Protein backbone atom coordinates (compact mmCIF):
# COMPACT_ATOMS: atom_id res chain seq x y z
CA MET A 1 -17.94 -39.74 45.37
CA GLU A 2 -15.12 -41.32 43.47
CA ARG A 3 -12.53 -38.99 42.02
CA ARG A 4 -11.50 -39.63 38.46
CA PHE A 5 -7.92 -38.81 37.64
CA ARG A 6 -6.90 -38.24 34.08
CA ASP A 7 -3.84 -40.16 33.01
CA LYS A 8 -1.12 -37.75 32.01
CA LYS A 9 0.39 -38.39 28.61
CA PRO A 10 4.07 -39.37 28.76
CA LYS A 11 6.39 -36.70 27.46
CA GLU A 12 7.52 -37.62 23.96
CA PHE A 13 10.18 -34.91 23.81
CA ASP A 14 12.74 -33.74 26.31
CA GLN A 15 13.36 -30.02 26.45
CA ALA A 16 16.23 -27.72 27.36
CA LEU A 17 16.05 -24.02 28.10
CA VAL A 18 18.94 -22.47 26.19
CA ASP A 19 18.45 -18.78 26.88
CA VAL A 20 16.15 -16.45 28.80
CA ALA A 21 16.28 -12.70 28.39
CA ARG A 22 14.23 -9.79 29.64
CA VAL A 23 13.20 -7.51 26.79
CA THR A 24 11.44 -4.17 26.92
CA ARG A 25 9.32 -2.37 24.40
CA VAL A 26 8.72 1.37 24.48
CA MET A 27 5.03 2.22 24.14
CA ALA A 28 2.88 5.32 24.46
CA GLY A 29 2.25 4.78 28.17
CA GLY A 30 5.82 3.79 28.98
CA LYS A 31 7.92 0.64 28.73
CA ARG A 32 6.42 -2.84 28.55
CA MET A 33 8.61 -5.60 29.95
CA ARG A 34 8.40 -9.15 28.63
CA PHE A 35 10.54 -12.32 28.66
CA ARG A 36 12.08 -14.09 25.68
CA ALA A 37 12.87 -17.81 25.87
CA CYS A 38 14.81 -20.03 23.47
CA VAL A 39 13.92 -23.70 23.92
CA VAL A 40 15.28 -26.85 22.22
CA ILE A 41 13.26 -30.09 22.23
CA GLY A 42 14.14 -33.59 21.04
CA ASN A 43 13.32 -37.27 21.48
CA ARG A 44 17.01 -38.39 21.49
CA LYS A 45 16.22 -40.60 18.49
CA GLY A 46 16.95 -38.26 15.60
CA GLN A 47 14.15 -35.71 15.97
CA VAL A 48 14.95 -32.23 17.23
CA GLY A 49 13.51 -28.73 17.00
CA TYR A 50 13.82 -25.29 18.50
CA ALA A 51 11.85 -22.07 18.83
CA VAL A 52 12.01 -18.59 20.32
CA ALA A 53 8.92 -17.09 21.98
CA LYS A 54 7.98 -14.17 24.22
CA GLY A 55 5.61 -13.94 27.14
CA ALA A 56 4.62 -11.87 30.14
CA ASP A 57 6.20 -14.51 32.37
CA VAL A 58 9.10 -16.95 31.91
CA ALA A 59 6.77 -19.96 32.22
CA ILE A 60 4.44 -18.56 29.56
CA ALA A 61 7.36 -17.86 27.20
CA VAL A 62 8.76 -21.36 27.66
CA ASP A 63 5.36 -22.99 27.10
CA LYS A 64 4.83 -21.01 23.90
CA ALA A 65 8.33 -21.88 22.66
CA VAL A 66 7.78 -25.61 23.30
CA ARG A 67 4.48 -25.65 21.39
CA LYS A 68 6.09 -23.72 18.55
CA ALA A 69 9.11 -26.05 18.43
CA GLU A 70 6.88 -29.13 18.17
CA LYS A 71 5.60 -27.77 14.86
CA HIS A 72 9.09 -27.33 13.41
CA LEU A 73 10.86 -30.65 13.99
CA MET A 74 13.59 -32.02 11.75
CA GLU A 75 15.22 -35.43 11.24
CA VAL A 76 18.94 -35.74 11.92
CA PRO A 77 20.79 -38.57 10.10
CA ILE A 78 22.72 -40.61 12.68
CA VAL A 79 25.20 -43.35 11.74
CA ASN A 80 26.72 -45.46 14.56
CA ASP A 81 25.68 -42.86 17.16
CA THR A 82 27.51 -40.06 15.33
CA ILE A 83 27.02 -37.77 12.33
CA PRO A 84 27.77 -39.11 8.82
CA HIS A 85 30.45 -36.57 7.89
CA GLU A 86 32.15 -33.31 8.87
CA VAL A 87 30.34 -29.98 8.46
CA ARG A 88 31.88 -26.50 8.50
CA LEU A 89 29.38 -23.67 8.47
CA LYS A 90 29.43 -19.90 8.61
CA HIS A 91 25.98 -18.43 9.14
CA ARG A 92 25.92 -14.70 9.70
CA ALA A 93 28.10 -14.09 12.78
CA SER A 94 28.22 -17.78 13.77
CA ARG A 95 30.96 -20.19 12.70
CA ILE A 96 30.56 -23.83 13.70
CA ILE A 97 32.46 -27.06 13.02
CA LEU A 98 30.89 -30.50 13.56
CA LYS A 99 33.05 -33.63 13.26
CA PRO A 100 32.11 -37.31 13.62
CA ALA A 101 33.80 -39.18 16.45
CA PRO A 102 34.42 -42.87 17.30
CA GLU A 103 32.43 -44.74 19.93
CA GLY A 104 33.20 -43.75 23.49
CA THR A 105 34.16 -40.17 22.69
CA GLY A 106 30.95 -38.60 23.94
CA VAL A 107 29.64 -35.15 23.11
CA ILE A 108 32.64 -32.83 23.17
CA SER A 109 30.85 -29.54 22.81
CA GLY A 110 29.83 -26.53 24.80
CA GLY A 111 27.07 -24.03 25.17
CA ALA A 112 23.95 -24.23 23.09
CA VAL A 113 25.45 -26.69 20.59
CA ARG A 114 25.71 -29.39 23.26
CA SER A 115 22.02 -29.14 24.12
CA VAL A 116 20.98 -29.53 20.49
CA LEU A 117 23.23 -32.53 19.80
CA GLU A 118 22.27 -34.36 23.00
CA LEU A 119 18.54 -33.92 22.41
CA ALA A 120 18.99 -35.04 18.79
CA GLY A 121 20.48 -38.34 20.00
CA VAL A 122 24.05 -37.86 18.76
CA LYS A 123 26.22 -39.65 21.35
CA ASN A 124 29.68 -39.18 19.83
CA VAL A 125 30.62 -35.90 18.18
CA VAL A 126 33.20 -33.13 18.37
CA SER A 127 32.18 -29.53 17.77
CA LYS A 128 33.73 -26.08 17.99
CA ILE A 129 32.21 -22.58 18.08
CA LEU A 130 34.50 -20.08 16.37
CA GLY A 131 32.19 -17.10 15.92
CA THR A 132 29.79 -15.22 18.16
CA ASN A 133 28.84 -16.31 21.67
CA ASN A 134 25.17 -15.46 21.16
CA LYS A 135 23.27 -18.59 22.14
CA VAL A 136 20.24 -18.02 19.89
CA SER A 137 22.47 -17.40 16.85
CA ASN A 138 24.53 -20.52 17.57
CA VAL A 139 21.41 -22.69 17.95
CA HIS A 140 20.10 -21.46 14.61
CA ALA A 141 23.51 -22.12 13.00
CA VAL A 142 23.58 -25.69 14.37
CA PHE A 143 20.19 -26.43 12.82
CA VAL A 144 21.37 -25.05 9.47
CA ALA A 145 24.46 -27.30 9.72
CA LEU A 146 22.37 -30.37 10.62
CA LYS A 147 20.18 -29.78 7.55
CA LYS A 148 23.30 -30.10 5.39
CA LEU A 149 24.07 -33.59 6.66
CA ARG A 150 23.54 -36.39 4.13
CA SER A 151 23.38 -40.09 4.89
CA VAL A 152 25.99 -42.50 3.51
CA GLU A 153 23.42 -44.28 1.32
CA HIS A 154 22.59 -41.02 -0.45
CA LYS A 155 26.26 -40.33 -1.13
CA VAL A 156 26.98 -43.83 -2.46
CA SER A 157 23.97 -43.92 -4.79
CA ALA A 158 24.99 -40.79 -6.65
CA PRO A 159 28.27 -42.16 -8.12
CA GLY A 160 26.47 -45.35 -9.18
CA LYS A 161 24.09 -43.36 -11.36
CA ASP A 162 26.99 -41.47 -12.88
CA SER A 163 28.83 -44.71 -13.68
CA LYS A 164 25.73 -46.12 -15.41
CA LYS A 165 25.49 -42.98 -17.50
CA SER A 166 29.18 -43.16 -18.40
CA ASP A 167 28.87 -46.84 -19.36
CA SER A 168 25.92 -46.12 -21.65
CA ALA A 169 27.84 -43.21 -23.19
CA GLU A 170 30.85 -45.45 -23.87
CA VAL A 171 28.63 -48.10 -25.51
CA ALA A 172 27.07 -45.43 -27.72
CA LYS A 173 30.53 -44.19 -28.73
CA GLU A 174 31.61 -47.73 -29.63
CA LYS A 175 28.49 -48.17 -31.78
CA ASN A 176 29.19 -44.91 -33.56
CA GLN A 177 32.79 -45.93 -34.14
CA VAL A 178 31.83 -49.36 -35.54
CA GLY A 179 29.48 -47.86 -38.15
CA PRO A 180 32.09 -45.86 -40.17
CA LYS A 181 34.64 -48.73 -40.07
CA VAL A 182 32.19 -51.15 -41.70
CA SER A 183 31.26 -48.67 -44.42
CA ILE A 184 34.93 -48.00 -45.28
CA GLU A 185 35.67 -51.74 -45.57
CA GLU A 186 32.66 -52.23 -47.88
CA SER A 187 33.75 -49.36 -50.10
CA GLU A 188 37.30 -50.82 -50.37
CA LYS A 189 35.87 -54.21 -51.35
CA LYS A 190 33.73 -52.60 -54.05
CA LYS A 191 36.75 -50.71 -55.42
CA SER A 192 38.87 -53.86 -55.57
CA ALA A 193 36.05 -55.77 -57.31
CA GLN A 194 35.69 -53.02 -59.91
CA ALA A 195 39.46 -53.03 -60.53
CA GLN A 196 39.49 -56.80 -61.12
CA VAL A 197 36.58 -56.46 -63.58
CA GLU A 198 38.46 -53.76 -65.54
CA LYS A 199 41.65 -55.92 -65.70
CA LYS A 200 39.69 -58.85 -67.16
CA LYS A 201 38.28 -56.60 -69.85
């Protein structure tokens, strides 16, 4: 008999195991030991996500975290292989700085932040962790910082709208100013005409 092999689907996302911890829970019969895993996934093209999950085994915890992370992906704006602008963030005990860098700099970062930026596809960036060393907290803080990034197109379009509004406001002011001037001139002409009529009489 011929064996039929199923073609395995190519992995769309790469994954990185950021932290594994053994946690215990006190129950009526004693303590129950489980494993907690923090996993970051990304396609290195601007999509990245993370999740924390628990399981009876490390493999089970990692598998649950990967499936959970696939449901909570986010888009990271990337301009010339770096981030659009600098971000400084303080989230709870975490303090993180992300700065854009020129081509050839690479990812100058450490710990959990490096895993997130590499899987997001950012090739040139400088970062610094100033707060806690907790990996899960720092991963969460990085995602909050990445959500605050705005593309250059979005930033440029905003002043254009403001300038249009200001131009229309100036035109309206000019129209309002023209109206009273015309009425004053007409009243002066009427007064002078009446004066000439009275002189003739």
